[in-house]
Amino acid sequence: MKKIKCLRKKIDCVDKKILKLLSKRFVLTDKIGKIKKLEQIEIEDKNRETELVDKFVSFSEKSNLDKKFTLDLLQLILQESKKRQK
């Protein structure tokens, strides 16, 4: 049980880092949203989304992550980014 507690503590640290990185990402997308609003640019950018899908698929393959999981995660991130930019 001690080994499990130690591993769970490490998982908690990783989770905290993931959330901090997502927070940083959303700060950046919020800034992009402000620029888009000022310059009257559409929030959705299909070319950028396609680029991100390609990057996530490539990364998932290199990192031995499930492709569907990775793409589902990307969709959640993109939905939140768009919501925050509106």
Protein backbone atom coordinates (compact mmCIF):
# COMPACT_ATOMS: atom_id res chain seq x y z
CA MET A 1 0.00 0.00 0.00
CA LYS A 2 2.93 2.34 0.68
CA LYS A 3 4.10 2.02 -2.93
CA ILE A 4 0.63 2.89 -4.19
CA LYS A 5 0.50 6.00 -1.98
CA CYS A 6 3.88 7.11 -3.30
CA LEU A 7 2.81 6.59 -6.90
CA ARG A 8 -0.47 8.41 -6.31
CA LYS A 9 1.43 11.34 -4.88
CA LYS A 10 3.49 11.46 -8.07
CA ILE A 11 0.28 11.30 -10.12
CA ASP A 12 -1.08 14.25 -8.14
CA CYS A 13 2.03 16.24 -9.05
CA VAL A 14 1.63 15.40 -12.73
CA ASP A 15 -2.06 16.32 -12.62
CA LYS A 16 -1.21 19.67 -11.06
CA LYS A 17 1.32 20.34 -13.83
CA ILE A 18 -1.23 19.41 -16.50
CA LEU A 19 -3.78 21.84 -15.05
CA LYS A 20 -1.19 24.62 -14.74
CA LEU A 21 -0.21 24.13 -18.38
CA LEU A 22 -3.86 24.19 -19.46
CA SER A 23 -4.31 27.41 -17.51
CA LYS A 24 -1.31 28.94 -19.32
CA ARG A 25 -2.71 27.75 -22.64
CA PHE A 26 -6.06 29.41 -21.96
CA VAL A 27 -4.36 32.68 -21.00
CA LEU A 28 -2.75 32.62 -24.45
CA THR A 29 -5.98 31.72 -26.25
CA ASP A 30 -7.76 34.52 -24.36
CA LYS A 31 -5.19 36.96 -25.76
CA ILE A 32 -5.73 35.57 -29.24
CA GLY A 33 -9.48 36.00 -28.75
CA LYS A 34 -9.00 39.69 -27.91
CA ILE A 35 -6.90 40.20 -31.02
CA LYS A 36 -9.47 38.39 -33.17
CA LYS A 37 -12.21 40.60 -31.76
CA LEU A 38 -10.25 43.79 -32.43
CA GLU A 39 -9.37 42.69 -35.95
CA GLN A 40 -12.84 41.20 -36.59
CA ILE A 41 -11.45 37.72 -37.30
CA GLU A 42 -13.64 34.65 -36.94
CA ILE A 43 -13.07 32.65 -33.75
CA GLU A 44 -12.96 29.31 -35.57
CA ASP A 45 -9.91 28.65 -37.73
CA LYS A 46 -10.37 25.30 -39.47
CA ASN A 47 -6.81 25.35 -40.87
CA ARG A 48 -5.38 25.76 -37.37
CA GLU A 49 -7.64 23.02 -36.03
CA THR A 50 -6.49 20.64 -38.79
CA GLU A 51 -2.89 21.51 -37.97
CA LEU A 52 -3.50 20.74 -34.29
CA VAL A 53 -5.22 17.44 -35.10
CA ASP A 54 -2.19 16.41 -37.16
CA LYS A 55 0.18 17.39 -34.34
CA PHE A 56 -1.85 15.57 -31.71
CA VAL A 57 -2.08 12.41 -33.82
CA SER A 58 1.65 12.47 -34.44
CA PHE A 59 2.40 13.07 -30.78
CA SER A 60 0.01 10.32 -29.68
CA GLU A 61 1.72 7.84 -31.99
CA LYS A 62 5.19 8.81 -30.75
CA SER A 63 4.08 8.76 -27.11
CA ASN A 64 2.13 5.50 -27.22
CA LEU A 65 -1.11 7.27 -26.36
CA ASP A 66 -4.49 6.20 -27.65
CA LYS A 67 -5.30 8.30 -30.72
CA LYS A 68 -9.02 8.60 -29.91
CA PHE A 69 -8.28 9.70 -26.35
CA THR A 70 -5.81 12.29 -27.60
CA LEU A 71 -8.24 13.68 -30.17
CA ASP A 72 -11.07 13.74 -27.62
CA LEU A 73 -8.81 15.72 -25.31
CA LEU A 74 -7.98 18.14 -28.12
CA GLN A 75 -11.69 18.65 -28.83
CA LEU A 76 -12.32 19.50 -25.17
CA ILE A 77 -9.45 21.98 -25.21
CA LEU A 78 -10.68 23.58 -28.44
CA GLN A 79 -14.27 23.83 -27.15
CA GLU A 80 -13.08 25.59 -24.00
CA SER A 81 -10.84 27.92 -26.02
CA LYS A 82 -13.70 28.91 -28.33
CA LYS A 83 -16.08 29.39 -25.41
CA ARG A 84 -13.61 31.68 -23.68
CA GLN A 85 -12.99 33.67 -26.87
CA LYS A 86 -16.69 34.45 -27.39
